[in-house]
Amino acid sequence: MSSQFAVDLDRLDQIVSRLNGLAGFLHDHLEELDRRVNALRNGSWESAAAAAYAQTHAQWLAAAREFAEGVAAMSDAAHKAHGRYTQAIDINRRMLQSGQP
């Protein structure tokens, strides 16, 4: 049984870069959004609706931050995979050049 396996390292680099960019974008924008919501709440908006919004916003923000952390973790995993694939390529190349099985 024979199978081929290939990894496009350039494409993997692009994925890592895009995931890093997305994680940074999410982090920056979530912080800015939270800052604005807090400014609104600390201003003149005081009511049952304001309290309900604050509670819902806190829940949403926690979930959004969890998503952003997941994106960052995927980026880290892809980066580590790139290193492992590169190392495997180097090891295979050296084995082939030395004639070892």
N, C-alpha and C. Protein backbone atom coordinates (compact mmCIF):
# COMPACT_ATOMS: atom_id res chain seq x y z
N MET A 1 0.84 -1.17 0.00
CA MET A 1 0.00 0.00 0.00
C MET A 1 0.89 1.23 0.00
N SER A 2 0.65 2.10 -0.92
CA SER A 2 1.46 3.30 -1.05
C SER A 2 0.55 4.52 -1.04
N SER A 3 0.99 5.53 -0.36
CA SER A 3 0.23 6.78 -0.36
C SER A 3 1.20 7.95 -0.41
N GLN A 4 0.74 9.00 -1.01
CA GLN A 4 1.57 10.20 -1.09
C GLN A 4 1.01 11.24 -0.13
N PHE A 5 1.93 11.95 0.46
CA PHE A 5 1.56 13.01 1.39
C PHE A 5 2.42 14.21 1.05
N ALA A 6 1.80 15.34 0.90
CA ALA A 6 2.55 16.55 0.55
C ALA A 6 2.01 17.72 1.36
N VAL A 7 2.92 18.60 1.72
CA VAL A 7 2.55 19.82 2.43
C VAL A 7 3.15 20.99 1.67
N ASP A 8 2.33 21.94 1.34
CA ASP A 8 2.79 23.16 0.68
C ASP A 8 3.21 24.14 1.77
N LEU A 9 4.53 24.20 2.04
CA LEU A 9 5.03 25.02 3.14
C LEU A 9 4.77 26.51 2.92
N ASP A 10 4.82 26.95 1.67
CA ASP A 10 4.51 28.36 1.40
C ASP A 10 3.06 28.67 1.75
N ARG A 11 2.17 27.77 1.39
CA ARG A 11 0.75 27.96 1.72
C ARG A 11 0.54 27.91 3.23
N LEU A 12 1.25 27.03 3.90
CA LEU A 12 1.16 26.95 5.35
C LEU A 12 1.65 28.24 5.99
N ASP A 13 2.72 28.83 5.44
CA ASP A 13 3.20 30.14 5.90
C ASP A 13 2.12 31.20 5.75
N GLN A 14 1.43 31.18 4.62
CA GLN A 14 0.35 32.14 4.38
C GLN A 14 -0.77 31.97 5.40
N ILE A 15 -1.09 30.73 5.69
CA ILE A 15 -2.15 30.46 6.67
C ILE A 15 -1.74 30.98 8.05
N VAL A 16 -0.50 30.72 8.44
CA VAL A 16 -0.01 31.21 9.73
C VAL A 16 -0.10 32.73 9.78
N SER A 17 0.34 33.40 8.73
CA SER A 17 0.29 34.86 8.69
C SER A 17 -1.14 35.38 8.77
N ARG A 18 -2.03 34.76 8.04
CA ARG A 18 -3.43 35.21 8.05
C ARG A 18 -4.07 34.98 9.41
N LEU A 19 -3.80 33.85 10.02
CA LEU A 19 -4.35 33.58 11.34
C LEU A 19 -3.79 34.55 12.38
N ASN A 20 -2.48 34.84 12.30
CA ASN A 20 -1.88 35.83 13.20
C ASN A 20 -2.55 37.18 13.02
N GLY A 21 -2.74 37.58 11.77
CA GLY A 21 -3.38 38.85 11.49
C GLY A 21 -4.80 38.90 12.02
N LEU A 22 -5.54 37.82 11.83
CA LEU A 22 -6.92 37.76 12.31
C LEU A 22 -6.96 37.83 13.84
N ALA A 23 -6.07 37.10 14.50
CA ALA A 23 -6.04 37.12 15.96
C ALA A 23 -5.73 38.52 16.48
N GLY A 24 -4.77 39.20 15.86
CA GLY A 24 -4.44 40.57 16.26
C GLY A 24 -5.59 41.52 16.01
N PHE A 25 -6.22 41.39 14.85
CA PHE A 25 -7.37 42.23 14.51
C PHE A 25 -8.49 42.05 15.53
N LEU A 26 -8.80 40.79 15.83
CA LEU A 26 -9.87 40.51 16.80
C LEU A 26 -9.54 41.09 18.17
N HIS A 27 -8.32 40.87 18.62
CA HIS A 27 -7.92 41.37 19.93
C HIS A 27 -8.05 42.89 19.99
N ASP A 28 -7.51 43.57 18.99
CA ASP A 28 -7.56 45.04 18.97
C ASP A 28 -9.00 45.55 18.94
N HIS A 29 -9.80 44.97 18.08
CA HIS A 29 -11.17 45.46 17.93
C HIS A 29 -12.06 45.09 19.12
N LEU A 30 -11.83 43.96 19.72
CA LEU A 30 -12.60 43.60 20.91
C LEU A 30 -12.29 44.55 22.06
N GLU A 31 -11.02 44.91 22.20
CA GLU A 31 -10.64 45.85 23.25
C GLU A 31 -11.27 47.22 23.01
N GLU A 32 -11.25 47.67 21.77
CA GLU A 32 -11.85 48.96 21.43
C GLU A 32 -13.36 48.94 21.64
N LEU A 33 -13.99 47.88 21.22
CA LEU A 33 -15.44 47.76 21.40
C LEU A 33 -15.79 47.77 22.89
N ASP A 34 -15.04 47.03 23.68
CA ASP A 34 -15.30 46.99 25.12
C ASP A 34 -15.08 48.37 25.74
N ARG A 35 -14.06 49.07 25.30
CA ARG A 35 -13.80 50.42 25.81
C ARG A 35 -14.98 51.33 25.51
N ARG A 36 -15.51 51.25 24.31
CA ARG A 36 -16.64 52.10 23.94
C ARG A 36 -17.91 51.74 24.71
N VAL A 37 -18.14 50.46 24.89
CA VAL A 37 -19.32 50.04 25.66
C VAL A 37 -19.20 50.53 27.10
N ASN A 38 -18.01 50.40 27.68
CA ASN A 38 -17.82 50.88 29.05
C ASN A 38 -18.01 52.39 29.14
N ALA A 39 -17.56 53.13 28.14
CA ALA A 39 -17.76 54.58 28.13
C ALA A 39 -19.25 54.90 28.07
N LEU A 40 -19.99 54.16 27.28
CA LEU A 40 -21.43 54.37 27.18
C LEU A 40 -22.11 54.08 28.51
N ARG A 41 -21.73 52.98 29.12
CA ARG A 41 -22.33 52.59 30.40
C ARG A 41 -21.97 53.56 31.51
N ASN A 42 -20.78 54.12 31.47
CA ASN A 42 -20.34 55.06 32.50
C ASN A 42 -20.88 56.47 32.25
N GLY A 43 -21.56 56.64 31.16
CA GLY A 43 -22.12 57.94 30.83
C GLY A 43 -23.51 58.09 31.40
N SER A 44 -24.46 58.28 30.53
CA SER A 44 -25.82 58.59 30.98
C SER A 44 -26.81 57.44 30.83
N TRP A 45 -26.35 56.28 30.42
CA TRP A 45 -27.27 55.17 30.19
C TRP A 45 -27.41 54.34 31.46
N GLU A 46 -28.47 54.57 32.18
CA GLU A 46 -28.73 53.83 33.42
C GLU A 46 -30.19 53.39 33.41
N SER A 47 -30.39 52.10 33.28
CA SER A 47 -31.74 51.55 33.27
C SER A 47 -31.65 50.03 33.34
N ALA A 48 -32.80 49.40 33.40
CA ALA A 48 -32.82 47.94 33.37
C ALA A 48 -32.26 47.44 32.04
N ALA A 49 -32.55 48.16 30.96
CA ALA A 49 -32.02 47.78 29.65
C ALA A 49 -30.50 47.90 29.63
N ALA A 50 -29.97 48.94 30.26
CA ALA A 50 -28.51 49.11 30.32
C ALA A 50 -27.87 47.96 31.08
N ALA A 51 -28.48 47.56 32.19
CA ALA A 51 -27.95 46.45 32.97
C ALA A 51 -28.01 45.14 32.19
N ALA A 52 -29.12 44.92 31.49
CA ALA A 52 -29.26 43.71 30.68
C ALA A 52 -28.24 43.71 29.54
N TYR A 53 -28.05 44.88 28.93
CA TYR A 53 -27.07 44.97 27.85
C TYR A 53 -25.67 44.69 28.39
N ALA A 54 -25.34 45.25 29.54
CA ALA A 54 -24.02 45.04 30.13
C ALA A 54 -23.77 43.56 30.39
N GLN A 55 -24.77 42.88 30.92
CA GLN A 55 -24.63 41.45 31.20
C GLN A 55 -24.44 40.66 29.90
N THR A 56 -25.25 40.96 28.92
CA THR A 56 -25.16 40.26 27.63
C THR A 56 -23.84 40.58 26.94
N HIS A 57 -23.42 41.84 27.02
CA HIS A 57 -22.14 42.23 26.41
C HIS A 57 -20.99 41.46 27.06
N ALA A 58 -21.00 41.33 28.38
CA ALA A 58 -19.94 40.60 29.07
C ALA A 58 -19.89 39.15 28.61
N GLN A 59 -21.05 38.53 28.44
CA GLN A 59 -21.10 37.14 27.96
C GLN A 59 -20.59 37.05 26.53
N TRP A 60 -21.03 37.97 25.69
CA TRP A 60 -20.61 37.97 24.30
C TRP A 60 -19.11 38.20 24.20
N LEU A 61 -18.61 39.17 24.99
CA LEU A 61 -17.18 39.49 24.95
C LEU A 61 -16.34 38.29 25.38
N ALA A 62 -16.78 37.58 26.40
CA ALA A 62 -16.05 36.38 26.84
C ALA A 62 -16.00 35.34 25.72
N ALA A 63 -17.11 35.13 25.03
CA ALA A 63 -17.14 34.17 23.93
C ALA A 63 -16.28 34.65 22.76
N ALA A 64 -16.33 35.94 22.46
CA ALA A 64 -15.52 36.48 21.37
C ALA A 64 -14.04 36.37 21.68
N ARG A 65 -13.66 36.62 22.92
CA ARG A 65 -12.25 36.47 23.31
C ARG A 65 -11.81 35.01 23.24
N GLU A 66 -12.70 34.11 23.61
CA GLU A 66 -12.40 32.68 23.49
C GLU A 66 -12.17 32.30 22.03
N PHE A 67 -12.99 32.85 21.14
CA PHE A 67 -12.80 32.61 19.71
C PHE A 67 -11.45 33.15 19.26
N ALA A 68 -11.11 34.38 19.67
CA ALA A 68 -9.83 34.98 19.28
C ALA A 68 -8.66 34.14 19.81
N GLU A 69 -8.78 33.63 21.02
CA GLU A 69 -7.74 32.76 21.57
C GLU A 69 -7.63 31.47 20.77
N GLY A 70 -8.76 30.96 20.31
CA GLY A 70 -8.75 29.77 19.46
C GLY A 70 -8.05 30.01 18.14
N VAL A 71 -8.28 31.18 17.56
CA VAL A 71 -7.59 31.54 16.31
C VAL A 71 -6.09 31.62 16.56
N ALA A 72 -5.69 32.24 17.66
CA ALA A 72 -4.27 32.34 17.99
C ALA A 72 -3.67 30.95 18.21
N ALA A 73 -4.41 30.06 18.86
CA ALA A 73 -3.93 28.70 19.08
C ALA A 73 -3.78 27.94 17.76
N MET A 74 -4.72 28.15 16.83
CA MET A 74 -4.60 27.52 15.51
C MET A 74 -3.36 28.03 14.79
N SER A 75 -3.10 29.32 14.89
CA SER A 75 -1.93 29.90 14.26
C SER A 75 -0.66 29.29 14.84
N ASP A 76 -0.62 29.16 16.16
CA ASP A 76 0.54 28.56 16.82
C ASP A 76 0.72 27.11 16.39
N ALA A 77 -0.37 26.36 16.31
CA ALA A 77 -0.29 24.96 15.89
C ALA A 77 0.19 24.85 14.44
N ALA A 78 -0.29 25.72 13.58
CA ALA A 78 0.15 25.70 12.18
C ALA A 78 1.62 26.07 12.08
N HIS A 79 2.06 27.02 12.89
CA HIS A 79 3.47 27.42 12.89
C HIS A 79 4.35 26.25 13.35
N LYS A 80 3.92 25.56 14.40
CA LYS A 80 4.68 24.41 14.89
C LYS A 80 4.69 23.29 13.85
N ALA A 81 3.56 23.08 13.18
CA ALA A 81 3.49 22.05 12.14
C ALA A 81 4.47 22.38 11.02
N HIS A 82 4.55 23.65 10.66
CA HIS A 82 5.49 24.07 9.61
C HIS A 82 6.91 23.68 10.00
N GLY A 83 7.27 23.95 11.25
CA GLY A 83 8.61 23.59 11.72
C GLY A 83 8.85 22.09 11.67
N ARG A 84 7.85 21.32 12.05
CA ARG A 84 7.99 19.86 12.04
C ARG A 84 8.08 19.32 10.62
N TYR A 85 7.28 19.86 9.72
CA TYR A 85 7.35 19.42 8.32
C TYR A 85 8.70 19.78 7.72
N THR A 86 9.19 20.97 8.02
CA THR A 86 10.50 21.39 7.51
C THR A 86 11.59 20.47 8.04
N GLN A 87 11.51 20.13 9.32
CA GLN A 87 12.49 19.23 9.92
C GLN A 87 12.41 17.84 9.28
N ALA A 88 11.20 17.34 9.04
CA ALA A 88 11.04 16.02 8.41
C ALA A 88 11.61 16.02 7.00
N ILE A 89 11.40 17.09 6.27
CA ILE A 89 11.95 17.19 4.92
C ILE A 89 13.47 17.13 4.97
N ASP A 90 14.06 17.88 5.91
CA ASP A 90 15.52 17.89 6.04
C ASP A 90 16.06 16.51 6.41
N ILE A 91 15.39 15.84 7.33
CA ILE A 91 15.83 14.50 7.75
C ILE A 91 15.72 13.52 6.58
N ASN A 92 14.61 13.55 5.87
CA ASN A 92 14.43 12.65 4.72
C ASN A 92 15.47 12.93 3.65
N ARG A 93 15.75 14.19 3.40
CA ARG A 93 16.75 14.56 2.39
C ARG A 93 18.12 14.02 2.79
N ARG A 94 18.50 14.18 4.06
CA ARG A 94 19.80 13.68 4.52
C ARG A 94 19.87 12.16 4.44
N MET A 95 18.77 11.48 4.78
CA MET A 95 18.76 10.02 4.69
C MET A 95 18.91 9.56 3.25
N LEU A 96 18.22 10.22 2.33
CA LEU A 96 18.32 9.84 0.92
C LEU A 96 19.72 10.10 0.38
N GLN A 97 20.32 11.21 0.80
CA GLN A 97 21.66 11.54 0.32
C GLN A 97 22.72 10.59 0.88
N SER A 98 22.49 10.07 2.09
CA SER A 98 23.47 9.17 2.70
C SER A 98 23.24 7.72 2.31
N GLY A 99 22.10 7.43 1.68
CA GLY A 99 21.78 6.08 1.26
C GLY A 99 21.21 5.21 2.36
N GLN A 100 20.85 5.80 3.50
CA GLN A 100 20.26 5.02 4.59
C GLN A 100 18.80 4.71 4.28
N PRO A 101 18.33 3.54 4.73
CA PRO A 101 16.92 3.19 4.49
C PRO A 101 15.99 3.99 5.39
